[in-house]
Amino acid sequence: MYLIYYTSILIILITITLISLSLILNMKSYDSREKNSPFECGFDPIKSSRMNFSLQFFLFMMMFLIFDIEIAILLPMSLCWKYSNMFSWMMCSLSSIIIIILGLYYEWNFGLLNWMK
């Protein structure tokens, strides 16, 4: 039982140590303008290295990631129906599917799935 506590404390300490180490080693100096400018095969840059990012693409990507994670959570449920209570498995599966369908309806209703407005 104490092994779980020691393991979790060890994982937390390793995580804090790695984050602290990365922050210490990643001290950047923004003094040199030459080093901060983009390099294009020895030529001066033609335009700015910053480009506009489509907000619609970002929203669509976030919706895809959320639904992808939901499906990744839902797929293993089909493998464990033999080993669990049928009623509890059915309620858990149905509630997950209903949440996914309601989320899709919400996004469709507010026009988040339309690419052009």
PDB file of N, CA and C in Angstrom:
ATOM      1  N   MET A   1       0.813  -1.190   0.000  1.00  0.00           N
ATOM      2  CA  MET A   1       0.000   0.000   0.000  1.00  0.00           C
ATOM      3  C   MET A   1       0.859   1.256   0.000  1.00  0.00           C
ATOM      4  N   TYR A   2       1.925   1.217   0.785  1.00  0.00           N
ATOM      5  CA  TYR A   2       2.808   2.375   0.809  1.00  0.00           C
ATOM      6  C   TYR A   2       3.572   2.526  -0.495  1.00  0.00           C
ATOM      7  N   LEU A   3       3.662   1.449  -1.263  1.00  0.00           N
ATOM      8  CA  LEU A   3       4.364   1.500  -2.541  1.00  0.00           C
ATOM      9  C   LEU A   3       3.676   2.480  -3.499  1.00  0.00           C
ATOM     10  N   ILE A   4       2.367   2.542  -3.465  1.00  0.00           N
ATOM     11  CA  ILE A   4       1.628   3.474  -4.328  1.00  0.00           C
ATOM     12  C   ILE A   4       1.939   4.913  -3.928  1.00  0.00           C
ATOM     13  N   TYR A   5       1.978   5.193  -2.641  1.00  0.00           N
ATOM     14  CA  TYR A   5       2.280   6.544  -2.180  1.00  0.00           C
ATOM     15  C   TYR A   5       3.710   6.938  -2.551  1.00  0.00           C
ATOM     16  N   TYR A   6       4.635   6.044  -2.324  1.00  0.00           N
ATOM     17  CA  TYR A   6       6.032   6.342  -2.653  1.00  0.00           C
ATOM     18  C   TYR A   6       6.222   6.534  -4.152  1.00  0.00           C
ATOM     19  N   THR A   7       5.536   5.729  -4.935  1.00  0.00           N
ATOM     20  CA  THR A   7       5.645   5.865  -6.387  1.00  0.00           C
ATOM     21  C   THR A   7       5.051   7.184  -6.853  1.00  0.00           C
ATOM     22  N   SER A   8       3.895   7.562  -6.324  1.00  0.00           N
ATOM     23  CA  SER A   8       3.293   8.830  -6.736  1.00  0.00           C
ATOM     24  C   SER A   8       4.140  10.023  -6.302  1.00  0.00           C
ATOM     25  N   ILE A   9       4.716   9.970  -5.106  1.00  0.00           N
ATOM     26  CA  ILE A   9       5.594  11.045  -4.657  1.00  0.00           C
ATOM     27  C   ILE A   9       6.848  11.107  -5.520  1.00  0.00           C
ATOM     28  N   LEU A  10       7.391   9.961  -5.884  1.00  0.00           N
ATOM     29  CA  LEU A  10       8.560   9.917  -6.748  1.00  0.00           C
ATOM     30  C   LEU A  10       8.252  10.498  -8.123  1.00  0.00           C
ATOM     31  N   ILE A  11       7.099  10.178  -8.677  1.00  0.00           N
ATOM     32  CA  ILE A  11       6.708  10.711  -9.986  1.00  0.00           C
ATOM     33  C   ILE A  11       6.537  12.226  -9.916  1.00  0.00           C
ATOM     34  N   ILE A  12       5.924  12.725  -8.858  1.00  0.00           N
ATOM     35  CA  ILE A  12       5.753  14.172  -8.695  1.00  0.00           C
ATOM     36  C   ILE A  12       7.099  14.861  -8.565  1.00  0.00           C
ATOM     37  N   LEU A  13       8.006  14.288  -7.786  1.00  0.00           N
ATOM     38  CA  LEU A  13       9.336  14.887  -7.625  1.00  0.00           C
ATOM     39  C   LEU A  13      10.122  14.886  -8.929  1.00  0.00           C
ATOM     40  N   ILE A  14      10.040  13.807  -9.680  1.00  0.00           N
ATOM     41  CA  ILE A  14      10.732  13.755 -10.976  1.00  0.00           C
ATOM     42  C   ILE A  14      10.156  14.798 -11.926  1.00  0.00           C
ATOM     43  N   THR A  15       8.829  14.954 -11.929  1.00  0.00           N
ATOM     44  CA  THR A  15       8.197  15.937 -12.792  1.00  0.00           C
ATOM     45  C   THR A  15       8.624  17.354 -12.429  1.00  0.00           C
ATOM     46  N   ILE A  16       8.608  17.676 -11.147  1.00  0.00           N
ATOM     47  CA  ILE A  16       9.024  19.008 -10.701  1.00  0.00           C
ATOM     48  C   ILE A  16      10.493  19.246 -11.025  1.00  0.00           C
ATOM     49  N   THR A  17      11.326  18.228 -10.839  1.00  0.00           N
ATOM     50  CA  THR A  17      12.748  18.364 -11.145  1.00  0.00           C
ATOM     51  C   THR A  17      12.974  18.615 -12.634  1.00  0.00           C
ATOM     52  N   LEU A  18      12.286  17.875 -13.495  1.00  0.00           N
ATOM     53  CA  LEU A  18      12.464  18.056 -14.937  1.00  0.00           C
ATOM     54  C   LEU A  18      11.952  19.412 -15.410  1.00  0.00           C
ATOM     55  N   ILE A  19      10.839  19.869 -14.872  1.00  0.00           N
ATOM     56  CA  ILE A  19      10.324  21.185 -15.254  1.00  0.00           C
ATOM     57  C   ILE A  19      11.277  22.280 -14.792  1.00  0.00           C
ATOM     58  N   SER A  20      11.773  22.170 -13.568  1.00  0.00           N
ATOM     59  CA  SER A  20      12.723  23.162 -13.062  1.00  0.00           C
ATOM     60  C   SER A  20      14.010  23.159 -13.876  1.00  0.00           C
ATOM     61  N   LEU A  21      14.487  21.976 -14.204  1.00  0.00           N
ATOM     62  CA  LEU A  21      15.709  21.875 -14.998  1.00  0.00           C
ATOM     63  C   LEU A  21      15.525  22.471 -16.387  1.00  0.00           C
ATOM     64  N   SER A  22      14.387  22.238 -17.001  1.00  0.00           N
ATOM     65  CA  SER A  22      14.154  22.815 -18.328  1.00  0.00           C
ATOM     66  C   SER A  22      14.031  24.329 -18.271  1.00  0.00           C
ATOM     67  N   LEU A  23      13.436  24.867 -17.198  1.00  0.00           N
ATOM     68  CA  LEU A  23      13.346  26.318 -17.070  1.00  0.00           C
ATOM     69  C   LEU A  23      14.708  26.954 -16.826  1.00  0.00           C
ATOM     70  N   ILE A  24      15.552  26.274 -16.078  1.00  0.00           N
ATOM     71  CA  ILE A  24      16.890  26.805 -15.804  1.00  0.00           C
ATOM     72  C   ILE A  24      17.764  26.750 -17.049  1.00  0.00           C
ATOM     73  N   LEU A  25      17.702  25.640 -17.781  1.00  0.00           N
ATOM     74  CA  LEU A  25      18.558  25.491 -18.959  1.00  0.00           C
ATOM     75  C   LEU A  25      18.042  26.259 -20.167  1.00  0.00           C
ATOM     76  N   ASN A  26      16.806  26.692 -20.140  1.00  0.00           N
ATOM     77  CA  ASN A  26      16.211  27.346 -21.295  1.00  0.00           C
ATOM     78  C   ASN A  26      16.198  28.861 -21.151  1.00  0.00           C
ATOM     79  N   MET A  27      17.158  29.413 -20.455  1.00  0.00           N
ATOM     80  CA  MET A  27      17.253  30.861 -20.322  1.00  0.00           C
ATOM     81  C   MET A  27      17.696  31.442 -21.662  1.00  0.00           C
ATOM     82  N   LYS A  28      16.771  32.159 -22.323  1.00  0.00           N
ATOM     83  CA  LYS A  28      17.077  32.728 -23.628  1.00  0.00           C
ATOM     84  C   LYS A  28      17.436  34.198 -23.474  1.00  0.00           C
ATOM     85  N   SER A  29      18.370  34.612 -24.292  1.00  0.00           N
ATOM     86  CA  SER A  29      18.692  36.036 -24.331  1.00  0.00           C
ATOM     87  C   SER A  29      18.181  36.585 -25.660  1.00  0.00           C
ATOM     88  N   TYR A  30      17.451  37.664 -25.597  1.00  0.00           N
ATOM     89  CA  TYR A  30      16.873  38.266 -26.784  1.00  0.00           C
ATOM     90  C   TYR A  30      17.657  39.508 -27.198  1.00  0.00           C
ATOM     91  N   ASP A  31      18.962  39.471 -27.017  1.00  0.00           N
ATOM     92  CA  ASP A  31      19.785  40.630 -27.305  1.00  0.00           C
ATOM     93  C   ASP A  31      20.081  40.766 -28.793  1.00  0.00           C
ATOM     94  N   SER A  32      20.387  39.674 -29.450  1.00  0.00           N
ATOM     95  CA  SER A  32      20.836  39.725 -30.831  1.00  0.00           C
ATOM     96  C   SER A  32      19.661  39.716 -31.802  1.00  0.00           C
ATOM     97  N   ARG A  33      19.543  40.775 -32.597  1.00  0.00           N
ATOM     98  CA  ARG A  33      18.485  40.845 -33.599  1.00  0.00           C
ATOM     99  C   ARG A  33      18.783  39.896 -34.758  1.00  0.00           C
ATOM    100  N   GLU A  34      20.054  39.687 -35.045  1.00  0.00           N
ATOM    101  CA  GLU A  34      20.448  38.786 -36.133  1.00  0.00           C
ATOM    102  C   GLU A  34      20.052  37.344 -35.844  1.00  0.00           C
ATOM    103  N   LYS A  35      20.215  36.922 -34.603  1.00  0.00           N
ATOM    104  CA  LYS A  35      19.891  35.541 -34.260  1.00  0.00           C
ATOM    105  C   LYS A  35      18.386  35.303 -34.177  1.00  0.00           C
ATOM    106  N   ASN A  36      17.628  36.348 -33.940  1.00  0.00           N
ATOM    107  CA  ASN A  36      16.177  36.200 -33.831  1.00  0.00           C
ATOM    108  C   ASN A  36      15.462  36.336 -35.165  1.00  0.00           C
ATOM    109  N   SER A  37      16.149  36.750 -36.206  1.00  0.00           N
ATOM    110  CA  SER A  37      15.510  36.906 -37.516  1.00  0.00           C
ATOM    111  C   SER A  37      15.505  35.559 -38.244  1.00  0.00           C
ATOM    112  N   PRO A  38      14.499  35.320 -39.089  1.00  0.00           N
ATOM    113  CA  PRO A  38      14.456  34.046 -39.819  1.00  0.00           C
ATOM    114  C   PRO A  38      15.566  33.984 -40.869  1.00  0.00           C
ATOM    115  N   PHE A  39      16.045  32.791 -41.139  1.00  0.00           N
ATOM    116  CA  PHE A  39      17.140  32.584 -42.093  1.00  0.00           C
ATOM    117  C   PHE A  39      16.591  31.906 -43.340  1.00  0.00           C
ATOM    118  N   GLU A  40      16.805  32.530 -44.486  1.00  0.00           N
ATOM    119  CA  GLU A  40      16.321  31.981 -45.746  1.00  0.00           C
ATOM    120  C   GLU A  40      17.483  31.816 -46.703  1.00  0.00           C
ATOM    121  N   CYS A  41      18.271  30.800 -46.519  1.00  0.00           N
ATOM    122  CA  CYS A  41      19.360  30.433 -47.425  1.00  0.00           C
ATOM    123  C   CYS A  41      20.333  31.578 -47.671  1.00  0.00           C
ATOM    124  N   GLY A  42      20.611  32.362 -46.684  1.00  0.00           N
ATOM    125  CA  GLY A  42      21.584  33.427 -46.831  1.00  0.00           C
ATOM    126  C   GLY A  42      21.018  34.731 -47.346  1.00  0.00           C
ATOM    127  N   PHE A  43      19.746  34.761 -47.731  1.00  0.00           N
ATOM    128  CA  PHE A  43      19.111  35.978 -48.237  1.00  0.00           C
ATOM    129  C   PHE A  43      18.379  36.682 -47.109  1.00  0.00           C
ATOM    130  N   ASP A  44      18.157  37.960 -47.297  1.00  0.00           N
ATOM    131  CA  ASP A  44      17.328  38.684 -46.344  1.00  0.00           C
ATOM    132  C   ASP A  44      15.896  38.182 -46.455  1.00  0.00           C
ATOM    133  N   PRO A  45      15.174  38.131 -45.360  1.00  0.00           N
ATOM    134  CA  PRO A  45      13.797  37.635 -45.419  1.00  0.00           C
ATOM    135  C   PRO A  45      12.920  38.529 -46.293  1.00  0.00           C
ATOM    136  N   ILE A  46      12.068  37.900 -47.072  1.00  0.00           N
ATOM    137  CA  ILE A  46      11.186  38.634 -47.980  1.00  0.00           C
ATOM    138  C   ILE A  46      10.020  39.256 -47.225  1.00  0.00           C
ATOM    139  N   LYS A  47       9.443  38.494 -46.326  1.00  0.00           N
ATOM    140  CA  LYS A  47       8.327  39.004 -45.549  1.00  0.00           C
ATOM    141  C   LYS A  47       8.473  38.521 -44.111  1.00  0.00           C
ATOM    142  N   SER A  48       7.558  38.903 -43.280  1.00  0.00           N
ATOM    143  CA  SER A  48       7.609  38.549 -41.864  1.00  0.00           C
ATOM    144  C   SER A  48       7.464  37.039 -41.676  1.00  0.00           C
ATOM    145  N   SER A  49       8.123  36.520 -40.660  1.00  0.00           N
ATOM    146  CA  SER A  49       8.032  35.087 -40.398  1.00  0.00           C
ATOM    147  C   SER A  49       6.707  34.707 -39.731  1.00  0.00           C
ATOM    148  N   ARG A  50       6.012  35.681 -39.206  1.00  0.00           N
ATOM    149  CA  ARG A  50       4.704  35.429 -38.590  1.00  0.00           C
ATOM    150  C   ARG A  50       3.630  35.421 -39.666  1.00  0.00           C
ATOM    151  N   MET A  51       2.759  34.410 -39.598  1.00  0.00           N
ATOM    152  CA  MET A  51       1.667  34.312 -40.560  1.00  0.00           C
ATOM    153  C   MET A  51       0.346  34.282 -39.799  1.00  0.00           C
ATOM    154  N   ASN A  52      -0.688  34.771 -40.447  1.00  0.00           N
ATOM    155  CA  ASN A  52      -2.015  34.730 -39.838  1.00  0.00           C
ATOM    156  C   ASN A  52      -2.495  33.288 -39.749  1.00  0.00           C
ATOM    157  N   PHE A  53      -3.182  32.981 -38.663  1.00  0.00           N
ATOM    158  CA  PHE A  53      -3.689  31.634 -38.440  1.00  0.00           C
ATOM    159  C   PHE A  53      -5.205  31.702 -38.407  1.00  0.00           C
ATOM    160  N   SER A  54      -5.845  30.853 -39.191  1.00  0.00           N
ATOM    161  CA  SER A  54      -7.293  30.869 -39.296  1.00  0.00           C
ATOM    162  C   SER A  54      -7.926  30.376 -37.993  1.00  0.00           C
ATOM    163  N   LEU A  55      -8.802  31.194 -37.442  1.00  0.00           N
ATOM    164  CA  LEU A  55      -9.496  30.819 -36.208  1.00  0.00           C
ATOM    165  C   LEU A  55     -10.471  29.683 -36.452  1.00  0.00           C
ATOM    166  N   GLN A  56     -11.083  29.643 -37.646  1.00  0.00           N
ATOM    167  CA  GLN A  56     -11.993  28.548 -37.964  1.00  0.00           C
ATOM    168  C   GLN A  56     -11.251  27.216 -38.013  1.00  0.00           C
ATOM    169  N   PHE A  57     -10.048  27.229 -38.573  1.00  0.00           N
ATOM    170  CA  PHE A  57      -9.256  25.998 -38.605  1.00  0.00           C
ATOM    171  C   PHE A  57      -8.896  25.560 -37.191  1.00  0.00           C
ATOM    172  N   PHE A  58      -8.567  26.513 -36.328  1.00  0.00           N
ATOM    173  CA  PHE A  58      -8.231  26.187 -34.943  1.00  0.00           C
ATOM    174  C   PHE A  58      -9.430  25.568 -34.227  1.00  0.00           C
ATOM    175  N   LEU A  59     -10.615  26.142 -34.389  1.00  0.00           N
ATOM    176  CA  LEU A  59     -11.813  25.590 -33.757  1.00  0.00           C
ATOM    177  C   LEU A  59     -12.129  24.196 -34.288  1.00  0.00           C
ATOM    178  N   PHE A  60     -11.985  24.020 -35.603  1.00  0.00           N
ATOM    179  CA  PHE A  60     -12.242  22.716 -36.205  1.00  0.00           C
ATOM    180  C   PHE A  60     -11.242  21.684 -35.686  1.00  0.00           C
ATOM    181  N   MET A  61      -9.976  22.086 -35.542  1.00  0.00           N
ATOM    182  CA  MET A  61      -8.955  21.182 -35.030  1.00  0.00           C
ATOM    183  C   MET A  61      -9.246  20.797 -33.573  1.00  0.00           C
ATOM    184  N   MET A  62      -9.665  21.772 -32.767  1.00  0.00           N
ATOM    185  CA  MET A  62      -9.981  21.482 -31.371  1.00  0.00           C
ATOM    186  C   MET A  62     -11.179  20.535 -31.259  1.00  0.00           C
ATOM    187  N   MET A  63     -12.186  20.733 -32.101  1.00  0.00           N
ATOM    188  CA  MET A  63     -13.341  19.823 -32.087  1.00  0.00           C
ATOM    189  C   MET A  63     -12.919  18.417 -32.494  1.00  0.00           C
ATOM    190  N   PHE A  64     -12.039  18.320 -33.497  1.00  0.00           N
ATOM    191  CA  PHE A  64     -11.554  17.003 -33.916  1.00  0.00           C
ATOM    192  C   PHE A  64     -10.800  16.323 -32.780  1.00  0.00           C
ATOM    193  N   LEU A  65      -9.951  17.046 -32.083  1.00  0.00           N
ATOM    194  CA  LEU A  65      -9.198  16.438 -30.979  1.00  0.00           C
ATOM    195  C   LEU A  65     -10.115  15.988 -29.853  1.00  0.00           C
ATOM    196  N   ILE A  66     -11.114  16.794 -29.539  1.00  0.00           N
ATOM    197  CA  ILE A  66     -12.038  16.423 -28.466  1.00  0.00           C
ATOM    198  C   ILE A  66     -12.816  15.167 -28.847  1.00  0.00           C
ATOM    199  N   PHE A  67     -13.351  15.116 -30.068  1.00  0.00           N
ATOM    200  CA  PHE A  67     -14.088  13.931 -30.493  1.00  0.00           C
ATOM    201  C   PHE A  67     -13.173  12.724 -30.629  1.00  0.00           C
ATOM    202  N   ASP A  68     -11.936  12.935 -31.032  1.00  0.00           N
ATOM    203  CA  ASP A  68     -10.986  11.831 -31.135  1.00  0.00           C
ATOM    204  C   ASP A  68     -10.700  11.232 -29.762  1.00  0.00           C
ATOM    205  N   ILE A  69     -10.540  12.063 -28.766  1.00  0.00           N
ATOM    206  CA  ILE A  69     -10.306  11.568 -27.406  1.00  0.00           C
ATOM    207  C   ILE A  69     -11.551  10.857 -26.891  1.00  0.00           C
ATOM    208  N   GLU A  70     -12.727  11.397 -27.182  1.00  0.00           N
ATOM    209  CA  GLU A  70     -13.957  10.739 -26.734  1.00  0.00           C
ATOM    210  C   GLU A  70     -14.108   9.361 -27.363  1.00  0.00           C
ATOM    211  N   ILE A  71     -13.800   9.242 -28.629  1.00  0.00           N
ATOM    212  CA  ILE A  71     -13.888   7.942 -29.292  1.00  0.00           C
ATOM    213  C   ILE A  71     -12.828   6.986 -28.750  1.00  0.00           C
ATOM    214  N   ALA A  72     -11.636   7.499 -28.461  1.00  0.00           N
ATOM    215  CA  ALA A  72     -10.591   6.647 -27.885  1.00  0.00           C
ATOM    216  C   ALA A  72     -10.980   6.149 -26.500  1.00  0.00           C
ATOM    217  N   ILE A  73     -11.771   6.914 -25.780  1.00  0.00           N
ATOM    218  CA  ILE A  73     -12.271   6.462 -24.482  1.00  0.00           C
ATOM    219  C   ILE A  73     -13.416   5.474 -24.666  1.00  0.00           C
ATOM    220  N   LEU A  74     -14.220   5.681 -25.702  1.00  0.00           N
ATOM    221  CA  LEU A  74     -15.405   4.847 -25.918  1.00  0.00           C
ATOM    222  C   LEU A  74     -15.067   3.473 -26.496  1.00  0.00           C
ATOM    223  N   LEU A  75     -14.035   3.367 -27.317  1.00  0.00           N
ATOM    224  CA  LEU A  75     -13.712   2.089 -27.957  1.00  0.00           C
ATOM    225  C   LEU A  75     -13.364   0.963 -26.977  1.00  0.00           C
ATOM    226  N   PRO A  76     -12.577   1.199 -25.935  1.00  0.00           N
ATOM    227  CA  PRO A  76     -12.309   0.085 -25.009  1.00  0.00           C
ATOM    228  C   PRO A  76     -13.533  -0.400 -24.243  1.00  0.00           C
ATOM    229  N   MET A  77     -14.598   0.390 -24.225  1.00  0.00           N
ATOM    230  CA  MET A  77     -15.822  -0.060 -23.543  1.00  0.00           C
ATOM    231  C   MET A  77     -16.410  -1.288 -24.220  1.00  0.00           C
ATOM    232  N   SER A  78     -16.222  -1.395 -25.512  1.00  0.00           N
ATOM    233  CA  SER A  78     -16.786  -2.538 -26.223  1.00  0.00           C
ATOM    234  C   SER A  78     -16.058  -3.838 -25.877  1.00  0.00           C
ATOM    235  N   LEU A  79     -14.859  -3.735 -25.369  1.00  0.00           N
ATOM    236  CA  LEU A  79     -14.111  -4.939 -25.012  1.00  0.00           C
ATOM    237  C   LEU A  79     -14.429  -5.451 -23.613  1.00  0.00           C
ATOM    238  N   CYS A  80     -14.943  -4.585 -22.750  1.00  0.00           N
ATOM    239  CA  CYS A  80     -15.140  -4.988 -21.360  1.00  0.00           C
ATOM    240  C   CYS A  80     -16.593  -5.335 -21.033  1.00  0.00           C
ATOM    241  N   TRP A  81     -17.470  -5.455 -22.007  1.00  0.00           N
ATOM    242  CA  TRP A  81     -18.865  -5.744 -21.690  1.00  0.00           C
ATOM    243  C   TRP A  81     -19.059  -7.159 -21.168  1.00  0.00           C
ATOM    244  N   LYS A  82     -18.156  -8.077 -21.492  1.00  0.00           N
ATOM    245  CA  LYS A  82     -18.285  -9.453 -20.996  1.00  0.00           C
ATOM    246  C   LYS A  82     -17.998  -9.554 -19.496  1.00  0.00           C
ATOM    247  N   TYR A  83     -17.119  -8.681 -19.016  1.00  0.00           N
ATOM    248  CA  TYR A  83     -16.620  -8.811 -17.651  1.00  0.00           C
ATOM    249  C   TYR A  83     -17.326  -7.889 -16.657  1.00  0.00           C
ATOM    250  N   SER A  84     -18.299  -7.124 -17.097  1.00  0.00           N
ATOM    251  CA  SER A  84     -18.961  -6.205 -16.176  1.00  0.00           C
ATOM    252  C   SER A  84     -20.459  -6.462 -16.160  1.00  0.00           C
ATOM    253  N   ASN A  85     -21.123  -5.800 -15.262  1.00  0.00           N
ATOM    254  CA  ASN A  85     -22.571  -5.885 -15.155  1.00  0.00           C
ATOM    255  C   ASN A  85     -23.183  -5.277 -16.408  1.00  0.00           C
ATOM    256  N   MET A  86     -24.106  -5.950 -17.031  1.00  0.00           N
ATOM    257  CA  MET A  86     -24.658  -5.517 -18.312  1.00  0.00           C
ATOM    258  C   MET A  86     -25.392  -4.184 -18.189  1.00  0.00           C
ATOM    259  N   PHE A  87     -26.130  -3.999 -17.107  1.00  0.00           N
ATOM    260  CA  PHE A  87     -26.880  -2.752 -16.926  1.00  0.00           C
ATOM    261  C   PHE A  87     -25.943  -1.561 -16.750  1.00  0.00           C
ATOM    262  N   SER A  88     -24.931  -1.706 -15.901  1.00  0.00           N
ATOM    263  CA  SER A  88     -24.010  -0.594 -15.682  1.00  0.00           C
ATOM    264  C   SER A  88     -23.190  -0.301 -16.936  1.00  0.00           C
ATOM    265  N   TRP A  89     -22.815  -1.327 -17.684  1.00  0.00           N
ATOM    266  CA  TRP A  89     -22.087  -1.119 -18.930  1.00  0.00           C
ATOM    267  C   TRP A  89     -22.958  -0.375 -19.937  1.00  0.00           C
ATOM    268  N   MET A  90     -24.228  -0.768 -20.023  1.00  0.00           N
ATOM    269  CA  MET A  90     -25.143  -0.134 -20.965  1.00  0.00           C
ATOM    270  C   MET A  90     -25.388   1.327 -20.595  1.00  0.00           C
ATOM    271  N   MET A  91     -25.566   1.618 -19.315  1.00  0.00           N
ATOM    272  CA  MET A  91     -25.795   3.000 -18.893  1.00  0.00           C
ATOM    273  C   MET A  91     -24.568   3.866 -19.145  1.00  0.00           C
ATOM    274  N   CYS A  92     -23.402   3.338 -18.874  1.00  0.00           N
ATOM    275  CA  CYS A  92     -22.161   4.087 -19.099  1.00  0.00           C
ATOM    276  C   CYS A  92     -21.944   4.337 -20.588  1.00  0.00           C
ATOM    277  N   SER A  93     -22.173   3.337 -21.402  1.00  0.00           N
ATOM    278  CA  SER A  93     -22.008   3.486 -22.850  1.00  0.00           C
ATOM    279  C   SER A  93     -23.017   4.470 -23.424  1.00  0.00           C
ATOM    280  N   LEU A  94     -24.275   4.337 -23.012  1.00  0.00           N
ATOM    281  CA  LEU A  94     -25.308   5.232 -23.520  1.00  0.00           C
ATOM    282  C   LEU A  94     -25.067   6.679 -23.087  1.00  0.00           C
ATOM    283  N   SER A  95     -24.650   6.871 -21.843  1.00  0.00           N
ATOM    284  CA  SER A  95     -24.388   8.247 -21.401  1.00  0.00           C
ATOM    285  C   SER A  95     -23.213   8.850 -22.164  1.00  0.00           C
ATOM    286  N   SER A  96     -22.203   8.061 -22.449  1.00  0.00           N
ATOM    287  CA  SER A  96     -21.071   8.567 -23.230  1.00  0.00           C
ATOM    288  C   SER A  96     -21.491   8.917 -24.650  1.00  0.00           C
ATOM    289  N   ILE A  97     -22.265   8.061 -25.271  1.00  0.00           N
ATOM    290  CA  ILE A  97     -22.723   8.314 -26.639  1.00  0.00           C
ATOM    291  C   ILE A  97     -23.665   9.517 -26.681  1.00  0.00           C
ATOM    292  N   ILE A  98     -24.529   9.656 -25.689  1.00  0.00           N
ATOM    293  CA  ILE A  98     -25.443  10.800 -25.638  1.00  0.00           C
ATOM    294  C   ILE A  98     -24.664  12.098 -25.478  1.00  0.00           C
ATOM    295  N   ILE A  99     -23.616  12.112 -24.651  1.00  0.00           N
ATOM    296  CA  ILE A  99     -22.781  13.302 -24.485  1.00  0.00           C
ATOM    297  C   ILE A  99     -22.104  13.667 -25.803  1.00  0.00           C
ATOM    298  N   ILE A 100     -21.609  12.674 -26.533  1.00  0.00           N
ATOM    299  CA  ILE A 100     -20.965  12.934 -27.822  1.00  0.00           C
ATOM    300  C   ILE A 100     -21.985  13.491 -28.820  1.00  0.00           C
ATOM    301  N   ILE A 101     -23.182  12.912 -28.864  1.00  0.00           N
ATOM    302  CA  ILE A 101     -24.207  13.380 -29.798  1.00  0.00           C
ATOM    303  C   ILE A 101     -24.687  14.785 -29.432  1.00  0.00           C
ATOM    304  N   LEU A 102     -24.863  15.069 -28.144  1.00  0.00           N
ATOM    305  CA  LEU A 102     -25.263  16.411 -27.735  1.00  0.00           C
ATOM    306  C   LEU A 102     -24.186  17.445 -28.061  1.00  0.00           C
ATOM    307  N   GLY A 103     -22.916  17.077 -27.899  1.00  0.00           N
ATOM    308  CA  GLY A 103     -21.832  17.981 -28.268  1.00  0.00           C
ATOM    309  C   GLY A 103     -21.817  18.261 -29.757  1.00  0.00           C
ATOM    310  N   LEU A 104     -22.042  17.229 -30.552  1.00  0.00           N
ATOM    311  CA  LEU A 104     -22.101  17.403 -32.002  1.00  0.00           C
ATOM    312  C   LEU A 104     -23.295  18.273 -32.400  1.00  0.00           C
ATOM    313  N   TYR A 105     -24.435  18.058 -31.765  1.00  0.00           N
ATOM    314  CA  TYR A 105     -25.615  18.876 -32.045  1.00  0.00           C
ATOM    315  C   TYR A 105     -25.356  20.339 -31.675  1.00  0.00           C
ATOM    316  N   TYR A 106     -24.723  20.579 -30.547  1.00  0.00           N
ATOM    317  CA  TYR A 106     -24.417  21.941 -30.099  1.00  0.00           C
ATOM    318  C   TYR A 106     -23.519  22.647 -31.110  1.00  0.00           C
ATOM    319  N   GLU A 107     -22.488  21.954 -31.570  1.00  0.00           N
ATOM    320  CA  GLU A 107     -21.571  22.555 -32.534  1.00  0.00           C
ATOM    321  C   GLU A 107     -22.257  22.772 -33.878  1.00  0.00           C
ATOM    322  N   TRP A 108     -23.093  21.855 -34.282  1.00  0.00           N
ATOM    323  CA  TRP A 108     -23.803  21.981 -35.552  1.00  0.00           C
ATOM    324  C   TRP A 108     -24.843  23.111 -35.477  1.00  0.00           C
ATOM    325  N   ASN A 109     -25.532  23.218 -34.348  1.00  0.00           N
ATOM    326  CA  ASN A 109     -26.562  24.225 -34.165  1.00  0.00           C
ATOM    327  C   ASN A 109     -25.984  25.643 -34.198  1.00  0.00           C
ATOM    328  N   PHE A 110     -24.815  25.855 -33.633  1.00  0.00           N
ATOM    329  CA  PHE A 110     -24.203  27.179 -33.614  1.00  0.00           C
ATOM    330  C   PHE A 110     -23.330  27.449 -34.835  1.00  0.00           C
ATOM    331  N   GLY A 111     -23.294  26.537 -35.783  1.00  0.00           N
ATOM    332  CA  GLY A 111     -22.594  26.771 -37.036  1.00  0.00           C
ATOM    333  C   GLY A 111     -21.088  26.649 -36.944  1.00  0.00           C
ATOM    334  N   LEU A 112     -20.585  25.934 -35.953  1.00  0.00           N
ATOM    335  CA  LEU A 112     -19.140  25.778 -35.827  1.00  0.00           C
ATOM    336  C   LEU A 112     -18.572  24.806 -36.849  1.00  0.00           C
ATOM    337  N   LEU A 113     -19.427  23.978 -37.447  1.00  0.00           N
ATOM    338  CA  LEU A 113     -18.957  23.021 -38.436  1.00  0.00           C
ATOM    339  C   LEU A 113     -18.961  23.597 -39.852  1.00  0.00           C
ATOM    340  N   ASN A 114     -19.551  24.777 -40.035  1.00  0.00           N
ATOM    341  CA  ASN A 114     -19.529  25.427 -41.345  1.00  0.00           C
ATOM    342  C   ASN A 114     -18.172  26.080 -41.549  1.00  0.00           C
ATOM    343  N   TRP A 115     -17.529  25.753 -42.662  1.00  0.00           N
ATOM    344  CA  TRP A 115     -16.197  26.293 -42.902  1.00  0.00           C
ATOM    345  C   TRP A 115     -16.268  27.757 -43.308  1.00  0.00           C
ATOM    346  N   MET A 116     -17.157  28.094 -44.213  1.00  0.00           N
ATOM    347  CA  MET A 116     -17.324  29.476 -44.646  1.00  0.00           C
ATOM    348  C   MET A 116     -18.629  30.021 -44.075  1.00  0.00           C
ATOM    349  N   LYS A 117     -18.593  31.279 -43.647  1.00  0.00           N
ATOM    350  CA  LYS A 117     -19.798  31.899 -43.086  1.00  0.00           C
ATOM    351  C   LYS A 117     -20.352  32.928 -44.031  1.00  0.00           C
TER     352      LYS A 117
END
